Amino acid sequence: MNETLFSQIQKLFERTYAQVGINLEDCLIDRTRCAQLSILAGKSARELSELARTFLRRAGDQLYVGIYYSRWLIEQLEQHDPRAGLSNRNIRSLITFVEEINHALHAALQFKSGTREIASEDFARNLELQAQVDTYLVLLLFVAFFRQTQRVSRTDRRWLRFHLFARQCPDAFHNKNLRGRYLETNQLAATYTQYLDTLNGMRRLNEIRCFRSLDYGAKRERILALMDSSAN
């Protein structure tokens, strides 16, 4: 049986970090359930993308996850499968697709490790920062796969950075909290991935595994320290 793009990406993240213990595809929800959960999430959720969303709910020692993808997004990925090549036609859809899997996976891993404050702003920023970092690395793998030398050029990296970081518009959020969250995590992720680009494969793997284990405050301090050292 052919693996789905979803399962392949989940396995990639699990090989990089840790087994989550569940098949995240079982957490996929339809449009009706997405609408119900969006109402429960409050007014700020109205500003989030309607293309895809991840919902988290805690009930005692259980974490419930819901992942929603719009029909339009799935159709884009089916018509322009990134496993056949990455281009301007599918890169934005792939970014959105990967980020939601990443949100769900890291939320589950943090919950397994004892984190329970899933409604906190730091928890949300942690997931967003981690997703942007991991998605950049996934995009690099997709690009490298279709290069005969398996090497990603500077032009490739600029193209990826444009779509993942430069095209983001945090200022478009009316909600001050969302605006601050996406502005800060976007800047931090752009800076940190530039640092990761300077590392070889094994050093990068060790670095991102250590990075994942940090809480949001420590991640932020790690990146700011890297910025200071590069400025000196």
Protein backbone atom coordinates (compact mmCIF):
# COMPACT_ATOMS: atom_id res chain seq x y z
CA MET A 1 0.00 0.00 0.00
CA ASN A 2 1.33 3.40 -0.94
CA GLU A 3 1.99 5.71 1.96
CA THR A 4 0.16 9.00 2.11
CA LEU A 5 2.02 12.30 2.12
CA PHE A 6 0.67 12.82 5.63
CA SER A 7 2.08 9.56 6.99
CA GLN A 8 5.44 10.14 5.30
CA ILE A 9 5.80 13.56 6.92
CA GLN A 10 4.75 12.25 10.34
CA LYS A 11 7.33 9.45 10.11
CA LEU A 12 10.00 11.96 9.09
CA PHE A 13 9.33 14.05 12.18
CA GLU A 14 9.23 10.97 14.40
CA ARG A 15 12.59 9.76 13.07
CA THR A 16 14.00 13.19 13.80
CA TYR A 17 12.56 13.63 17.29
CA ALA A 18 10.51 10.86 18.94
CA GLN A 19 7.59 8.52 18.37
CA VAL A 20 4.31 10.20 19.17
CA GLY A 21 2.50 6.90 19.76
CA ILE A 22 -0.57 7.57 17.61
CA ASN A 23 -1.42 7.81 13.94
CA LEU A 24 -2.13 11.51 13.55
CA GLU A 25 -4.18 10.84 10.42
CA ASP A 26 -6.82 9.45 12.77
CA CYS A 27 -7.13 12.99 14.15
CA LEU A 28 -8.35 14.47 10.85
CA ILE A 29 -11.73 16.21 11.13
CA ASP A 30 -14.26 17.50 8.60
CA ARG A 31 -15.48 21.01 7.92
CA THR A 32 -18.51 20.71 10.22
CA ARG A 33 -16.41 19.68 13.20
CA CYS A 34 -13.89 22.41 12.38
CA ALA A 35 -16.66 25.01 12.51
CA GLN A 36 -17.84 23.70 15.86
CA LEU A 37 -14.36 23.76 17.39
CA SER A 38 -13.65 27.21 15.93
CA ILE A 39 -16.64 28.60 17.79
CA LEU A 40 -15.43 27.04 21.03
CA ALA A 41 -11.95 28.48 20.44
CA GLY A 42 -13.25 32.05 20.74
CA LYS A 43 -13.15 35.26 18.73
CA SER A 44 -9.42 35.22 17.99
CA ALA A 45 -9.81 31.93 16.09
CA ARG A 46 -11.85 33.77 13.44
CA GLU A 47 -8.63 35.33 12.16
CA LEU A 48 -6.80 32.05 11.70
CA SER A 49 -6.51 30.49 8.26
CA GLU A 50 -9.56 28.70 6.94
CA LEU A 51 -7.33 26.45 4.84
CA ALA A 52 -6.08 24.39 7.78
CA ARG A 53 -6.23 24.37 11.57
CA THR A 54 -5.11 22.26 14.50
CA PHE A 55 -7.30 22.05 17.61
CA LEU A 56 -6.06 20.93 21.02
CA ARG A 57 -8.15 20.14 24.07
CA ARG A 58 -7.13 18.77 27.43
CA ALA A 59 -9.40 16.59 29.54
CA GLY A 60 -7.56 15.48 32.66
CA ASP A 61 -4.56 13.47 31.54
CA GLN A 62 -5.85 13.11 27.99
CA LEU A 63 -4.99 15.32 25.03
CA TYR A 64 -7.50 15.49 22.19
CA VAL A 65 -6.25 16.63 18.79
CA GLY A 66 -8.20 17.66 15.72
CA ILE A 67 -6.53 18.49 12.40
CA TYR A 68 -8.52 20.15 9.65
CA TYR A 69 -7.60 20.67 6.00
CA SER A 70 -9.92 22.40 3.55
CA ARG A 71 -11.03 20.51 0.47
CA TRP A 72 -9.30 23.16 -1.65
CA LEU A 73 -5.94 22.58 0.03
CA ILE A 74 -6.13 18.82 -0.42
CA GLU A 75 -7.08 19.23 -4.06
CA GLN A 76 -4.07 21.46 -4.66
CA LEU A 77 -1.72 18.86 -3.21
CA GLU A 78 -3.40 16.07 -5.16
CA GLN A 79 -3.16 17.99 -8.44
CA HIS A 80 0.41 19.14 -7.80
CA ASP A 81 1.89 16.43 -5.57
CA PRO A 82 5.09 17.84 -4.01
CA ARG A 83 6.57 14.33 -4.14
CA ALA A 84 6.74 14.86 -7.91
CA GLY A 85 8.40 18.25 -7.57
CA LEU A 86 8.18 21.47 -5.60
CA SER A 87 7.15 24.65 -7.42
CA ASN A 88 5.25 27.90 -7.02
CA ARG A 89 2.06 25.91 -7.66
CA ASN A 90 2.31 23.80 -4.51
CA ILE A 91 4.82 25.26 -2.08
CA ARG A 92 2.32 27.36 -0.12
CA SER A 93 -0.06 24.42 0.19
CA LEU A 94 2.76 22.15 1.32
CA ILE A 95 3.89 24.66 3.96
CA THR A 96 0.38 24.79 5.41
CA PHE A 97 0.03 21.01 5.27
CA VAL A 98 3.33 20.34 7.03
CA GLU A 99 2.84 22.97 9.74
CA GLU A 100 -0.43 21.45 10.97
CA ILE A 101 1.10 17.97 11.25
CA ASN A 102 3.99 19.53 13.12
CA HIS A 103 1.70 21.39 15.54
CA ALA A 104 -0.13 18.18 16.39
CA LEU A 105 3.01 16.09 16.75
CA HIS A 106 4.90 18.49 19.01
CA ALA A 107 1.82 19.18 21.13
CA ALA A 108 1.46 15.44 21.69
CA LEU A 109 5.16 15.01 22.47
CA GLN A 110 5.09 17.87 24.97
CA PHE A 111 1.96 16.49 26.58
CA LYS A 112 3.61 13.07 26.91
CA SER A 113 6.59 14.73 28.60
CA GLY A 114 4.33 16.32 31.24
CA THR A 115 3.36 19.70 29.80
CA ARG A 116 -0.24 20.51 30.70
CA GLU A 117 -0.58 24.27 30.13
CA ILE A 118 -1.63 23.87 26.52
CA ALA A 119 -3.76 27.04 26.60
CA SER A 120 -0.84 29.31 27.49
CA GLU A 121 0.60 31.83 25.06
CA ASP A 122 4.10 30.42 25.50
CA PHE A 123 2.82 26.98 24.49
CA ALA A 124 1.23 28.42 21.34
CA ARG A 125 4.36 30.38 20.43
CA ASN A 126 6.51 27.33 21.06
CA LEU A 127 4.45 25.28 18.60
CA GLU A 128 4.49 28.05 16.00
CA LEU A 129 8.24 28.61 16.21
CA GLN A 130 8.99 24.89 16.08
CA ALA A 131 6.67 24.42 13.10
CA GLN A 132 8.33 27.13 11.05
CA VAL A 133 11.80 25.72 11.78
CA ASP A 134 10.81 22.14 11.00
CA THR A 135 8.87 23.10 7.89
CA TYR A 136 11.90 24.90 6.49
CA LEU A 137 13.97 21.73 6.98
CA VAL A 138 11.27 19.61 5.30
CA LEU A 139 11.23 21.98 2.33
CA LEU A 140 14.99 21.64 2.02
CA LEU A 141 14.60 17.86 1.80
CA PHE A 142 11.98 18.15 -0.92
CA VAL A 143 14.19 20.47 -2.96
CA ALA A 144 17.34 18.37 -2.46
CA PHE A 145 15.54 15.19 -3.55
CA PHE A 146 15.05 16.60 -7.04
CA ARG A 147 18.61 17.90 -7.42
CA GLN A 148 21.06 15.51 -9.08
CA THR A 149 23.78 16.61 -6.67
CA GLN A 150 21.37 16.43 -3.70
CA ARG A 151 22.58 19.93 -2.83
CA VAL A 152 20.38 22.96 -2.30
CA SER A 153 21.59 26.17 -3.93
CA ARG A 154 21.49 29.68 -2.51
CA THR A 155 18.77 30.48 -5.00
CA ASP A 156 16.72 27.55 -3.70
CA ARG A 157 17.12 28.75 -0.13
CA ARG A 158 16.12 32.31 -1.01
CA TRP A 159 13.03 30.96 -2.75
CA LEU A 160 12.07 28.83 0.25
CA ARG A 161 12.68 31.71 2.66
CA PHE A 162 10.54 34.02 0.60
CA HIS A 163 7.55 31.70 0.76
CA LEU A 164 8.00 30.60 4.38
CA PHE A 165 9.12 33.86 6.00
CA ALA A 166 9.00 36.93 3.76
CA ARG A 167 5.47 36.31 2.48
CA GLN A 168 4.03 36.12 5.97
CA CYS A 169 1.98 39.17 7.02
CA PRO A 170 1.66 39.17 10.83
CA ASP A 171 0.57 42.82 10.74
CA ALA A 172 -2.64 41.73 9.01
CA PHE A 173 -3.99 40.31 12.27
CA HIS A 174 -6.37 42.63 14.10
CA ASN A 175 -5.92 40.69 17.33
CA LYS A 176 -2.89 42.13 19.12
CA ASN A 177 -1.92 38.82 20.66
CA LEU A 178 -1.96 36.95 17.34
CA ARG A 179 -0.10 39.77 15.65
CA GLY A 180 2.65 39.64 18.27
CA ARG A 181 2.82 35.85 18.21
CA TYR A 182 3.29 35.50 14.47
CA LEU A 183 5.57 38.51 14.16
CA GLU A 184 7.97 37.29 16.83
CA THR A 185 8.02 33.61 15.86
CA ASN A 186 8.48 34.48 12.19
CA GLN A 187 11.53 36.62 12.94
CA LEU A 188 13.00 34.07 15.34
CA ALA A 189 12.50 31.16 12.94
CA ALA A 190 14.04 33.08 10.03
CA THR A 191 17.11 33.84 12.14
CA TYR A 192 17.48 30.35 13.58
CA THR A 193 17.18 28.60 10.22
CA GLN A 194 19.93 30.82 8.84
CA TYR A 195 22.12 29.46 11.63
CA LEU A 196 21.07 25.88 10.85
CA ASP A 197 22.14 26.44 7.24
CA THR A 198 25.73 26.85 8.46
CA LEU A 199 25.82 23.39 10.11
CA ASN A 200 26.59 20.02 8.58
CA GLY A 201 24.05 17.20 8.73
CA MET A 202 24.99 15.62 12.07
CA ARG A 203 25.55 18.92 13.89
CA ARG A 204 22.23 20.20 12.58
CA LEU A 205 20.42 17.08 13.77
CA ASN A 206 21.92 17.35 17.26
CA GLU A 207 21.14 21.05 17.38
CA ILE A 208 17.48 20.75 16.44
CA ARG A 209 16.94 17.85 18.86
CA CYS A 210 18.32 19.95 21.69
CA PHE A 211 16.30 22.94 20.48
CA ARG A 212 13.05 20.97 20.50
CA SER A 213 13.51 20.03 24.14
CA LEU A 214 13.56 23.69 25.22
CA ASP A 215 10.52 25.67 26.31
CA TYR A 216 9.63 28.81 24.41
CA GLY A 217 11.57 31.19 26.64
CA ALA A 218 14.71 29.09 26.32
CA LYS A 219 14.28 28.78 22.54
CA ARG A 220 13.98 32.55 22.28
CA GLU A 221 17.08 33.09 24.42
CA ARG A 222 19.00 30.55 22.36
CA ILE A 223 18.24 32.40 19.13
CA LEU A 224 18.95 35.85 20.61
CA ALA A 225 22.31 34.56 21.86
CA LEU A 226 23.13 33.33 18.36
CA MET A 227 22.22 36.75 16.98
CA ASP A 228 24.51 38.45 19.49
CA SER A 229 27.43 36.14 18.72
CA SER A 230 27.09 36.67 14.97
CA ALA A 231 26.99 40.45 15.44
CA ASN A 232 30.25 40.47 17.38
